[in-house]
């Protein structure tokens, strides 16, 4: 008897509030899809983090590009810079100049 009364009450409630229940259920699915689905707040946070990383890389590349441009300008205009670079990179010497080369220190073997 208690079961029948409870079912009757539930049935009456559903008949009165069926539209509200359906709209509430649709709203619950939309909210769940917003947070769990693609292009939700979770993805937005990940995209912002990725954007910040890309902007940092861009800044580093711009600084490196500026340094390379400066080196290109110095190579084409500054003969002393070019000479120092050639001597350092290629080991060139001037006439009557002695070059001393020292062997690398031998590595000690662990005992």
PDB file of N, CA and C in Angstrom:
ATOM      1  N   UNK A   1       0.818  -1.181   0.000  1.00  0.00           N
ATOM      2  CA  UNK A   1       0.000   0.000   0.000  1.00  0.00           C
ATOM      3  C   UNK A   1       0.876   1.265   0.000  1.00  0.00           C
ATOM      4  N   UNK A   2       1.892   1.232   0.808  1.00  0.00           N
ATOM      5  CA  UNK A   2       2.801   2.371   0.854  1.00  0.00           C
ATOM      6  C   UNK A   2       3.478   2.560  -0.505  1.00  0.00           C
ATOM      7  N   UNK A   3       3.819   1.447  -1.126  1.00  0.00           N
ATOM      8  CA  UNK A   3       4.440   1.495  -2.446  1.00  0.00           C
ATOM      9  C   UNK A   3       3.502   2.121  -3.465  1.00  0.00           C
ATOM     10  N   UNK A   4       2.231   1.754  -3.441  1.00  0.00           N
ATOM     11  CA  UNK A   4       1.261   2.294  -4.401  1.00  0.00           C
ATOM     12  C   UNK A   4       1.036   3.786  -4.186  1.00  0.00           C
ATOM     13  N   UNK A   5       1.005   4.196  -2.930  1.00  0.00           N
ATOM     14  CA  UNK A   5       0.808   5.612  -2.635  1.00  0.00           C
ATOM     15  C   UNK A   5       2.015   6.417  -3.136  1.00  0.00           C
ATOM     16  N   UNK A   6       3.202   5.876  -2.893  1.00  0.00           N
ATOM     17  CA  UNK A   6       4.418   6.550  -3.329  1.00  0.00           C
ATOM     18  C   UNK A   6       4.488   6.642  -4.851  1.00  0.00           C
ATOM     19  N   UNK A   7       4.138   5.577  -5.549  1.00  0.00           N
ATOM     20  CA  UNK A   7       4.127   5.575  -7.013  1.00  0.00           C
ATOM     21  C   UNK A   7       3.082   6.549  -7.555  1.00  0.00           C
ATOM     22  N   UNK A   8       1.951   6.635  -6.914  1.00  0.00           N
ATOM     23  CA  UNK A   8       0.904   7.570  -7.349  1.00  0.00           C
ATOM     24  C   UNK A   8       1.391   9.004  -7.189  1.00  0.00           C
ATOM     25  N   UNK A   9       2.052   9.265  -6.077  1.00  0.00           N
ATOM     26  CA  UNK A   9       2.568  10.608  -5.846  1.00  0.00           C
ATOM     27  C   UNK A   9       3.647  10.957  -6.881  1.00  0.00           C
ATOM     28  N   UNK A  10       4.529  10.002  -7.158  1.00  0.00           N
ATOM     29  CA  UNK A  10       5.574  10.212  -8.152  1.00  0.00           C
ATOM     30  C   UNK A  10       4.969  10.431  -9.529  1.00  0.00           C
ATOM     31  N   UNK A  11       3.980   9.643  -9.887  1.00  0.00           N
ATOM     32  CA  UNK A  11       3.318   9.775 -11.186  1.00  0.00           C
ATOM     33  C   UNK A  11       2.644  11.144 -11.311  1.00  0.00           C
ATOM     34  N   UNK A  12       2.026  11.594 -10.252  1.00  0.00           N
ATOM     35  CA  UNK A  12       1.367  12.906 -10.258  1.00  0.00           C
ATOM     36  C   UNK A  12       2.408  14.016 -10.423  1.00  0.00           C
ATOM     37  N   UNK A  13       3.532  13.870  -9.729  1.00  0.00           N
ATOM     38  CA  UNK A  13       4.585  14.872  -9.816  1.00  0.00           C
ATOM     39  C   UNK A  13       5.162  14.924 -11.231  1.00  0.00           C
ATOM     40  N   UNK A  14       5.370  13.777 -11.825  1.00  0.00           N
ATOM     41  CA  UNK A  14       5.928  13.729 -13.177  1.00  0.00           C
ATOM     42  C   UNK A  14       4.951  14.351 -14.174  1.00  0.00           C
ATOM     43  N   UNK A  15       3.649  14.097 -14.029  1.00  0.00           N
ATOM     44  CA  UNK A  15       2.668  14.705 -14.953  1.00  0.00           C
ATOM     45  C   UNK A  15       2.676  16.227 -14.842  1.00  0.00           C
ATOM     46  N   UNK A  16       2.839  16.740 -13.627  1.00  0.00           N
ATOM     47  CA  UNK A  16       2.829  18.190 -13.445  1.00  0.00           C
ATOM     48  C   UNK A  16       4.142  18.836 -13.900  1.00  0.00           C
ATOM     49  N   UNK A  17       5.258  18.176 -13.665  1.00  0.00           N
ATOM     50  CA  UNK A  17       6.565  18.793 -13.861  1.00  0.00           C
ATOM     51  C   UNK A  17       7.371  18.175 -15.006  1.00  0.00           C
ATOM     52  N   UNK A  18       6.725  17.516 -15.945  1.00  0.00           N
ATOM     53  CA  UNK A  18       7.463  16.826 -17.004  1.00  0.00           C
ATOM     54  C   UNK A  18       8.306  17.788 -17.835  1.00  0.00           C
ATOM     55  N   UNK A  19       7.802  18.960 -18.128  1.00  0.00           N
ATOM     56  CA  UNK A  19       8.563  19.918 -18.917  1.00  0.00           C
ATOM     57  C   UNK A  19       9.793  20.405 -18.151  1.00  0.00           C
ATOM     58  N   UNK A  20       9.613  20.708 -16.876  1.00  0.00           N
ATOM     59  CA  UNK A  20      10.746  21.153 -16.061  1.00  0.00           C
ATOM     60  C   UNK A  20      11.794  20.056 -15.945  1.00  0.00           C
ATOM     61  N   UNK A  21      11.364  18.810 -15.789  1.00  0.00           N
ATOM     62  CA  UNK A  21      12.304  17.693 -15.684  1.00  0.00           C
ATOM     63  C   UNK A  21      13.086  17.506 -16.979  1.00  0.00           C
ATOM     64  N   UNK A  22      12.417  17.600 -18.100  1.00  0.00           N
ATOM     65  CA  UNK A  22      13.093  17.443 -19.389  1.00  0.00           C
ATOM     66  C   UNK A  22      14.088  18.576 -19.601  1.00  0.00           C
ATOM     67  N   UNK A  23      13.658  19.803 -19.316  1.00  0.00           N
ATOM     68  CA  UNK A  23      14.570  20.944 -19.472  1.00  0.00           C
ATOM     69  C   UNK A  23      15.765  20.844 -18.513  1.00  0.00           C
ATOM     70  N   UNK A  24      15.517  20.396 -17.293  1.00  0.00           N
ATOM     71  CA  UNK A  24      16.602  20.201 -16.333  1.00  0.00           C
ATOM     72  C   UNK A  24      17.588  19.139 -16.791  1.00  0.00           C
ATOM     73  N   UNK A  25      17.067  18.064 -17.363  1.00  0.00           N
ATOM     74  CA  UNK A  25      17.915  16.998 -17.872  1.00  0.00           C
ATOM     75  C   UNK A  25      18.754  17.483 -19.056  1.00  0.00           C
ATOM     76  N   UNK A  26      18.124  18.243 -19.952  1.00  0.00           N
ATOM     77  CA  UNK A  26      18.864  18.807 -21.095  1.00  0.00           C
ATOM     78  C   UNK A  26      19.952  19.756 -20.607  1.00  0.00           C
ATOM     79  N   UNK A  27      19.622  20.587 -19.616  1.00  0.00           N
ATOM     80  CA  UNK A  27      20.606  21.509 -19.058  1.00  0.00           C
ATOM     81  C   UNK A  27      21.766  20.755 -18.412  1.00  0.00           C
ATOM     82  N   UNK A  28      21.469  19.678 -17.710  1.00  0.00           N
ATOM     83  CA  UNK A  28      22.526  18.877 -17.082  1.00  0.00           C
ATOM     84  C   UNK A  28      23.448  18.282 -18.146  1.00  0.00           C
ATOM     85  N   UNK A  29      22.884  17.785 -19.248  1.00  0.00           N
ATOM     86  CA  UNK A  29      23.717  17.241 -20.322  1.00  0.00           C
ATOM     87  C   UNK A  29      24.565  18.327 -20.978  1.00  0.00           C
ATOM     88  N   UNK A  30      23.985  19.513 -21.160  1.00  0.00           N
ATOM     89  CA  UNK A  30      24.746  20.608 -21.755  1.00  0.00           C
ATOM     90  C   UNK A  30      25.917  21.030 -20.861  1.00  0.00           C
ATOM     91  N   UNK A  31      25.689  21.118 -19.573  1.00  0.00           N
ATOM     92  CA  UNK A  31      26.755  21.495 -18.643  1.00  0.00           C
ATOM     93  C   UNK A  31      27.834  20.417 -18.619  1.00  0.00           C
ATOM     94  N   UNK A  32      27.418  19.157 -18.593  1.00  0.00           N
ATOM     95  CA  UNK A  32      28.404  18.061 -18.599  1.00  0.00           C
ATOM     96  C   UNK A  32      29.209  18.095 -19.902  1.00  0.00           C
ATOM     97  N   UNK A  33      28.560  18.353 -21.018  1.00  0.00           N
ATOM     98  CA  UNK A  33      29.263  18.432 -22.294  1.00  0.00           C
ATOM     99  C   UNK A  33      30.212  19.617 -22.356  1.00  0.00           C
ATOM    100  N   UNK A  34      29.828  20.699 -21.717  1.00  0.00           N
ATOM    101  CA  UNK A  34      30.670  21.892 -21.701  1.00  0.00           C
ATOM    102  C   UNK A  34      31.993  21.615 -20.997  1.00  0.00           C
ATOM    103  N   UNK A  35      31.923  20.955 -19.852  1.00  0.00           N
ATOM    104  CA  UNK A  35      33.140  20.724 -19.085  1.00  0.00           C
ATOM    105  C   UNK A  35      33.913  19.500 -19.528  1.00  0.00           C
ATOM    106  N   UNK A  36      33.249  18.499 -20.070  1.00  0.00           N
ATOM    107  CA  UNK A  36      33.936  17.257 -20.428  1.00  0.00           C
ATOM    108  C   UNK A  36      34.235  17.150 -21.918  1.00  0.00           C
ATOM    109  N   UNK A  37      33.525  17.886 -22.731  1.00  0.00           N
ATOM    110  CA  UNK A  37      33.668  17.750 -24.175  1.00  0.00           C
ATOM    111  C   UNK A  37      34.814  18.567 -24.734  1.00  0.00           C
ATOM    112  N   UNK A  38      35.050  18.391 -26.021  1.00  0.00           N
ATOM    113  CA  UNK A  38      36.101  19.175 -26.672  1.00  0.00           C
ATOM    114  C   UNK A  38      35.720  20.654 -26.718  1.00  0.00           C
ATOM    115  N   UNK A  39      36.725  21.485 -26.720  1.00  0.00           N
ATOM    116  CA  UNK A  39      36.572  22.939 -26.767  1.00  0.00           C
ATOM    117  C   UNK A  39      35.885  23.478 -25.517  1.00  0.00           C
ATOM    118  N   UNK A  40      36.065  22.787 -24.411  1.00  0.00           N
ATOM    119  CA  UNK A  40      35.541  23.240 -23.132  1.00  0.00           C
ATOM    120  C   UNK A  40      36.587  24.031 -22.379  1.00  0.00           C
ATOM    121  N   UNK A  41      36.298  24.371 -21.132  1.00  0.00           N
ATOM    122  CA  UNK A  41      37.256  25.148 -20.336  1.00  0.00           C
ATOM    123  C   UNK A  41      38.599  24.444 -20.152  1.00  0.00           C
ATOM    124  N   UNK A  42      38.578  23.123 -20.063  1.00  0.00           N
ATOM    125  CA  UNK A  42      39.833  22.379 -19.912  1.00  0.00           C
ATOM    126  C   UNK A  42      40.725  22.580 -21.131  1.00  0.00           C
ATOM    127  N   UNK A  43      40.138  22.500 -22.315  1.00  0.00           N
ATOM    128  CA  UNK A  43      40.911  22.715 -23.539  1.00  0.00           C
ATOM    129  C   UNK A  43      41.354  24.170 -23.668  1.00  0.00           C
ATOM    130  N   UNK A  44      40.525  25.076 -23.191  1.00  0.00           N
ATOM    131  CA  UNK A  44      40.881  26.490 -23.238  1.00  0.00           C
ATOM    132  C   UNK A  44      42.120  26.762 -22.391  1.00  0.00           C
ATOM    133  N   UNK A  45      42.198  26.163 -21.224  1.00  0.00           N
ATOM    134  CA  UNK A  45      43.372  26.323 -20.364  1.00  0.00           C
ATOM    135  C   UNK A  45      44.606  25.733 -21.042  1.00  0.00           C
ATOM    136  N   UNK A  46      44.457  24.551 -21.651  1.00  0.00           N
ATOM    137  CA  UNK A  46      45.590  23.918 -22.343  1.00  0.00           C
ATOM    138  C   UNK A  46      46.043  24.770 -23.524  1.00  0.00           C
ATOM    139  N   UNK A  47      45.101  25.342 -24.262  1.00  0.00           N
ATOM    140  CA  UNK A  47      45.458  26.178 -25.404  1.00  0.00           C
ATOM    141  C   UNK A  47      46.158  27.459 -24.956  1.00  0.00           C
ATOM    142  N   UNK A  48      45.717  28.031 -23.856  1.00  0.00           N
ATOM    143  CA  UNK A  48      46.386  29.233 -23.342  1.00  0.00           C
ATOM    144  C   UNK A  48      47.809  28.915 -22.904  1.00  0.00           C
ATOM    145  N   UNK A  49      48.019  27.767 -22.264  1.00  0.00           N
ATOM    146  CA  UNK A  49      49.361  27.355 -21.858  1.00  0.00           C
ATOM    147  C   UNK A  49      50.245  27.152 -23.086  1.00  0.00           C
ATOM    148  N   UNK A  50      49.700  26.508 -24.100  1.00  0.00           N
ATOM    149  CA  UNK A  50      50.449  26.275 -25.333  1.00  0.00           C
ATOM    150  C   UNK A  50      50.791  27.598 -26.026  1.00  0.00           C
ATOM    151  N   UNK A  51      49.855  28.527 -25.997  1.00  0.00           N
ATOM    152  CA  UNK A  51      50.089  29.844 -26.594  1.00  0.00           C
ATOM    153  C   UNK A  51      51.223  30.568 -25.876  1.00  0.00           C
ATOM    154  N   UNK A  52      51.242  30.483 -24.539  1.00  0.00           N
ATOM    155  CA  UNK A  52      52.290  31.135 -23.763  1.00  0.00           C
ATOM    156  C   UNK A  52      53.659  30.537 -24.109  1.00  0.00           C
ATOM    157  N   UNK A  53      53.715  29.222 -24.260  1.00  0.00           N
ATOM    158  CA  UNK A  53      54.973  28.565 -24.625  1.00  0.00           C
ATOM    159  C   UNK A  53      55.423  29.021 -26.010  1.00  0.00           C
ATOM    160  N   UNK A  54      54.478  29.087 -26.955  1.00  0.00           N
ATOM    161  CA  UNK A  54      54.820  29.522 -28.313  1.00  0.00           C
ATOM    162  C   UNK A  54      55.291  30.976 -28.339  1.00  0.00           C
ATOM    163  N   UNK A  55      54.681  31.821 -27.517  1.00  0.00           N
ATOM    164  CA  UNK A  55      55.113  33.220 -27.465  1.00  0.00           C
ATOM    165  C   UNK A  55      56.527  33.339 -26.900  1.00  0.00           C
ATOM    166  N   UNK A  56      56.854  32.508 -25.891  1.00  0.00           N
ATOM    167  CA  UNK A  56      58.214  32.520 -25.348  1.00  0.00           C
ATOM    168  C   UNK A  56      59.213  32.061 -26.406  1.00  0.00           C
ATOM    169  N   UNK A  57      58.867  31.015 -27.141  1.00  0.00           N
ATOM    170  CA  UNK A  57      59.749  30.543 -28.211  1.00  0.00           C
ATOM    171  C   UNK A  57      59.918  31.614 -29.284  1.00  0.00           C
ATOM    172  N   UNK A  58      58.837  32.310 -29.588  1.00  0.00           N
ATOM    173  CA  UNK A  58      58.895  33.378 -30.590  1.00  0.00           C
ATOM    174  C   UNK A  58      59.851  34.475 -30.145  1.00  0.00           C
ATOM    175  N   UNK A  59      59.764  34.861 -28.865  1.00  0.00           N
ATOM    176  CA  UNK A  59      60.652  35.900 -28.351  1.00  0.00           C
ATOM    177  C   UNK A  59      62.111  35.448 -28.418  1.00  0.00           C
ATOM    178  N   UNK A  60      62.374  34.189 -28.078  1.00  0.00           N
ATOM    179  CA  UNK A  60      63.742  33.679 -28.153  1.00  0.00           C
ATOM    180  C   UNK A  60      64.239  33.682 -29.594  1.00  0.00           C
ATOM    181  N   UNK A  61      63.386  33.276 -30.518  1.00  0.00           N
ATOM    182  CA  UNK A  61      63.782  33.251 -31.926  1.00  0.00           C
ATOM    183  C   UNK A  61      64.010  34.658 -32.469  1.00  0.00           C
ATOM    184  N   UNK A  62      63.191  35.613 -32.044  1.00  0.00           N
ATOM    185  CA  UNK A  62      63.399  36.996 -32.480  1.00  0.00           C
ATOM    186  C   UNK A  62      64.729  37.535 -31.966  1.00  0.00           C
ATOM    187  N   UNK A  63      65.064  37.221 -30.710  1.00  0.00           N
ATOM    188  CA  UNK A  63      66.347  37.672 -30.159  1.00  0.00           C
ATOM    189  C   UNK A  63      67.506  37.016 -30.901  1.00  0.00           C
ATOM    190  N   UNK A  64      67.381  35.734 -31.177  1.00  0.00           N
ATOM    191  CA  UNK A  64      68.447  35.039 -31.910  1.00  0.00           C
ATOM    192  C   UNK A  64      68.581  35.596 -33.326  1.00  0.00           C
ATOM    193  N   UNK A  65      67.449  35.891 -33.959  1.00  0.00           N
ATOM    194  CA  UNK A  65      67.455  36.454 -35.303  1.00  0.00           C
ATOM    195  C   UNK A  65      68.150  37.819 -35.306  1.00  0.00           C
ATOM    196  N   UNK A  66      67.882  38.635 -34.284  1.00  0.00           N
ATOM    197  CA  UNK A  66      68.534  39.947 -34.194  1.00  0.00           C
ATOM    198  C   UNK A  66      70.040  39.783 -34.008  1.00  0.00           C
ATOM    199  N   UNK A  67      70.451  38.815 -33.187  1.00  0.00           N
ATOM    200  CA  UNK A  67      71.886  38.576 -32.987  1.00  0.00           C
ATOM    201  C   UNK A  67      72.538  38.109 -34.288  1.00  0.00           C
ATOM    202  N   UNK A  68      71.870  37.252 -35.025  1.00  0.00           N
ATOM    203  CA  UNK A  68      72.424  36.784 -36.302  1.00  0.00           C
ATOM    204  C   UNK A  68      72.522  37.918 -37.314  1.00  0.00           C
ATOM    205  N   UNK A  69      71.524  38.798 -37.322  1.00  0.00           N
ATOM    206  CA  UNK A  69      71.582  39.960 -38.229  1.00  0.00           C
ATOM    207  C   UNK A  69      72.770  40.853 -37.887  1.00  0.00           C
ATOM    208  N   UNK A  70      72.993  41.046 -36.587  1.00  0.00           N
ATOM    209  CA  UNK A  70      74.131  41.850 -36.157  1.00  0.00           C
ATOM    210  C   UNK A  70      75.439  41.213 -36.612  1.00  0.00           C
ATOM    211  N   UNK A  71      75.526  39.873 -36.459  1.00  0.00           N
ATOM    212  CA  UNK A  71      76.745  39.183 -36.903  1.00  0.00           C
ATOM    213  C   UNK A  71      76.936  39.308 -38.405  1.00  0.00           C
ATOM    214  N   UNK A  72      75.874  39.219 -39.169  1.00  0.00           N
ATOM    215  CA  UNK A  72      75.980  39.358 -40.627  1.00  0.00           C
ATOM    216  C   UNK A  72      76.470  40.755 -40.979  1.00  0.00           C
ATOM    217  N   UNK A  73      75.933  41.769 -40.324  1.00  0.00           N
ATOM    218  CA  UNK A  73      76.373  43.136 -40.591  1.00  0.00           C
ATOM    219  C   UNK A  73      77.839  43.320 -40.217  1.00  0.00           C
ATOM    220  N   UNK A  74      78.237  42.752 -39.065  1.00  0.00           N
ATOM    221  CA  UNK A  74      79.642  42.879 -38.646  1.00  0.00           C
ATOM    222  C   UNK A  74      80.560  42.127 -39.599  1.00  0.00           C
ATOM    223  N   UNK A  75      80.124  40.961 -40.087  1.00  0.00           N
ATOM    224  CA  UNK A  75      80.955  40.208 -41.019  1.00  0.00           C
ATOM    225  C   UNK A  75      81.170  40.968 -42.319  1.00  0.00           C
ATOM    226  N   UNK A  76      80.160  41.699 -42.755  1.00  0.00           N
ATOM    227  CA  UNK A  76      80.296  42.417 -44.019  1.00  0.00           C
ATOM    228  C   UNK A  76      80.985  43.770 -43.853  1.00  0.00           C
ATOM    229  N   UNK A  77      81.035  44.323 -42.645  1.00  0.00           N
ATOM    230  CA  UNK A  77      81.580  45.672 -42.482  1.00  0.00           C
ATOM    231  C   UNK A  77      82.821  45.739 -41.592  1.00  0.00           C
ATOM    232  N   UNK A  78      82.984  44.819 -40.667  1.00  0.00           N
ATOM    233  CA  UNK A  78      84.068  44.912 -39.688  1.00  0.00           C
ATOM    234  C   UNK A  78      85.144  43.866 -39.999  1.00  0.00           C
ATOM    235  N   UNK A  79      86.255  44.319 -40.558  1.00  0.00           N
ATOM    236  CA  UNK A  79      87.327  43.397 -40.941  1.00  0.00           C
ATOM    237  C   UNK A  79      88.012  42.763 -39.730  1.00  0.00           C
ATOM    238  N   UNK A  80      88.146  43.510 -38.658  1.00  0.00           N
ATOM    239  CA  UNK A  80      88.788  42.952 -37.462  1.00  0.00           C
ATOM    240  C   UNK A  80      87.946  41.825 -36.863  1.00  0.00           C
ATOM    241  N   UNK A  81      86.637  42.016 -36.861  1.00  0.00           N
ATOM    242  CA  UNK A  81      85.740  40.957 -36.365  1.00  0.00           C
ATOM    243  C   UNK A  81      85.856  39.715 -37.238  1.00  0.00           C
ATOM    244  N   UNK A  82      85.891  39.935 -38.545  1.00  0.00           N
ATOM    245  CA  UNK A  82      86.022  38.818 -39.479  1.00  0.00           C
ATOM    246  C   UNK A  82      87.341  38.076 -39.262  1.00  0.00           C
ATOM    247  N   UNK A  83      88.417  38.829 -39.062  1.00  0.00           N
ATOM    248  CA  UNK A  83      89.726  38.201 -38.837  1.00  0.00           C
ATOM    249  C   UNK A  83      89.723  37.388 -37.545  1.00  0.00           C
ATOM    250  N   UNK A  84      89.188  37.960 -36.463  1.00  0.00           N
ATOM    251  CA  UNK A  84      89.126  37.221 -35.200  1.00  0.00           C
ATOM    252  C   UNK A  84      88.312  35.942 -35.342  1.00  0.00           C
ATOM    253  N   UNK A  85      87.208  36.028 -36.063  1.00  0.00           N
ATOM    254  CA  UNK A  85      86.359  34.860 -36.259  1.00  0.00           C
ATOM    255  C   UNK A  85      87.074  33.777 -37.066  1.00  0.00           C
ATOM    256  N   UNK A  86      87.744  34.177 -38.124  1.00  0.00           N
ATOM    257  CA  UNK A  86      88.479  33.211 -38.953  1.00  0.00           C
ATOM    258  C   UNK A  86      89.593  32.562 -38.140  1.00  0.00           C
ATOM    259  N   UNK A  87      90.309  33.360 -37.361  1.00  0.00           N
ATOM    260  CA  UNK A  87      91.408  32.813 -36.567  1.00  0.00           C
ATOM    261  C   UNK A  87      90.883  31.857 -35.499  1.00  0.00           C
ATOM    262  N   UNK A  88      89.796  32.210 -34.880  1.00  0.00           N
ATOM    263  CA  UNK A  88      89.246  31.367 -33.822  1.00  0.00           C
ATOM    264  C   UNK A  88      88.628  30.088 -34.378  1.00  0.00           C
ATOM    265  N   UNK A  89      87.818  30.212 -35.432  1.00  0.00           N
ATOM    266  CA  UNK A  89      87.086  29.064 -35.963  1.00  0.00           C
ATOM    267  C   UNK A  89      87.965  28.144 -36.805  1.00  0.00           C
ATOM    268  N   UNK A  90      88.821  28.711 -37.619  1.00  0.00           N
ATOM    269  CA  UNK A  90      89.584  27.909 -38.567  1.00  0.00           C
ATOM    270  C   UNK A  90      91.043  27.713 -38.170  1.00  0.00           C
ATOM    271  N   UNK A  91      91.499  28.408 -37.133  1.00  0.00           N
ATOM    272  CA  UNK A  91      92.870  28.237 -36.680  1.00  0.00           C
ATOM    273  C   UNK A  91      93.904  28.877 -37.580  1.00  0.00           C
ATOM    274  N   UNK A  92      93.540  29.903 -38.345  1.00  0.00           N
ATOM    275  CA  UNK A  92      94.499  30.573 -39.233  1.00  0.00           C
ATOM    276  C   UNK A  92      95.492  31.382 -38.411  1.00  0.00           C
ATOM    277  N   UNK A  93      96.699  31.516 -38.943  1.00  0.00           N
ATOM    278  CA  UNK A  93      97.732  32.316 -38.294  1.00  0.00           C
ATOM    279  C   UNK A  93      98.286  33.329 -39.292  1.00  0.00           C
ATOM    280  N   UNK A  94      98.944  34.315 -38.744  1.00  0.00           N
ATOM    281  CA  UNK A  94      99.621  35.303 -39.589  1.00  0.00           C
ATOM    282  C   UNK A  94     101.000  34.763 -39.942  1.00  0.00           C
ATOM    283  N   UNK A  95     101.617  35.336 -40.962  1.00  0.00           N
ATOM    284  CA  UNK A  95     102.995  34.916 -41.252  1.00  0.00           C
ATOM    285  C   UNK A  95     103.899  35.188 -40.053  1.00  0.00           C
ATOM    286  N   UNK A  96     104.875  34.315 -39.826  1.00  0.00           N
ATOM    287  CA  UNK A  96     105.833  34.413 -38.721  1.00  0.00           C
ATOM    288  C   UNK A  96     105.164  34.318 -37.347  1.00  0.00           C
ATOM    289  N   UNK A  97     104.038  33.688 -37.278  1.00  0.00           N
ATOM    290  CA  UNK A  97     103.336  33.542 -36.005  1.00  0.00           C
ATOM    291  C   UNK A  97     103.391  32.075 -35.597  1.00  0.00           C
ATOM    292  N   UNK A  98     103.679  31.827 -34.321  1.00  0.00           N
ATOM    293  CA  UNK A  98     103.749  30.457 -33.816  1.00  0.00           C
ATOM    294  C   UNK A  98     102.458  30.109 -33.095  1.00  0.00           C
ATOM    295  N   UNK A  99     102.034  28.898 -33.314  1.00  0.00           N
ATOM    296  CA  UNK A  99     100.820  28.429 -32.656  1.00  0.00           C
ATOM    297  C   UNK A  99     101.207  27.290 -31.731  1.00  0.00           C
ATOM    298  N   UNK A 100     100.842  27.419 -30.485  1.00  0.00           N
ATOM    299  CA  UNK A 100     101.110  26.359 -29.514  1.00  0.00           C
ATOM    300  C   UNK A 100      99.808  25.603 -29.276  1.00  0.00           C
ATOM    301  N   UNK A 101      99.870  24.301 -29.465  1.00  0.00           N
ATOM    302  CA  UNK A 101      98.702  23.471 -29.211  1.00  0.00           C
ATOM    303  C   UNK A 101      99.035  22.512 -28.085  1.00  0.00           C
ATOM    304  N   UNK A 102      98.173  22.457 -27.116  1.00  0.00           N
ATOM    305  CA  UNK A 102      98.372  21.593 -25.968  1.00  0.00           C
ATOM    306  C   UNK A 102      97.383  20.436 -26.050  1.00  0.00           C
ATOM    307  N   UNK A 103      97.854  19.251 -25.761  1.00  0.00           N
ATOM    308  CA  UNK A 103      96.915  18.131 -25.779  1.00  0.00           C
ATOM    309  C   UNK A 103      95.929  18.249 -24.633  1.00  0.00           C
ATOM    310  N   UNK A 104      94.782  17.683 -24.820  1.00  0.00           N
ATOM    311  CA  UNK A 104      93.773  17.687 -23.764  1.00  0.00           C
ATOM    312  C   UNK A 104      94.275  16.838 -22.605  1.00  0.00           C
ATOM    313  N   UNK A 105      93.911  17.215 -21.414  1.00  0.00           N
ATOM    314  CA  UNK A 105      94.311  16.455 -20.236  1.00  0.00           C
ATOM    315  C   UNK A 105      93.661  15.075 -20.296  1.00  0.00           C
ATOM    316  N   UNK A 106      94.427  14.016 -20.035  1.00  0.00           N
ATOM    317  CA  UNK A 106      93.822  12.680 -20.077  1.00  0.00           C
ATOM    318  C   UNK A 106      92.809  12.512 -18.950  1.00  0.00           C
ATOM    319  N   UNK A 107      91.757  11.807 -19.259  1.00  0.00           N
ATOM    320  CA  UNK A 107      90.726  11.570 -18.258  1.00  0.00           C
ATOM    321  C   UNK A 107      91.168  10.457 -17.330  1.00  0.00           C
ATOM    322  N   UNK A 108      90.920  10.647 -16.040  1.00  0.00           N
ATOM    323  CA  UNK A 108      91.275   9.609 -15.088  1.00  0.00           C
ATOM    324  C   UNK A 108      90.211   8.521 -15.111  1.00  0.00           C
ATOM    325  N   UNK A 109      90.683   7.288 -15.098  1.00  0.00           N
ATOM    326  CA  UNK A 109      89.746   6.168 -15.087  1.00  0.00           C
ATOM    327  C   UNK A 109      89.306   5.888 -13.658  1.00  0.00           C
ATOM    328  N   UNK A 110      88.029   5.658 -13.452  1.00  0.00           N
ATOM    329  CA  UNK A 110      87.573   5.349 -12.082  1.00  0.00           C
ATOM    330  C   UNK A 110      88.121   4.009 -11.623  1.00  0.00           C
ATOM    331  N   UNK A 111      88.437   3.930 -10.368  1.00  0.00           N
ATOM    332  CA  UNK A 111      89.011   2.685  -9.820  1.00  0.00           C
ATOM    333  C   UNK A 111      87.949   1.745  -9.383  1.00  0.00           C
TER     334      UNK A 111
END
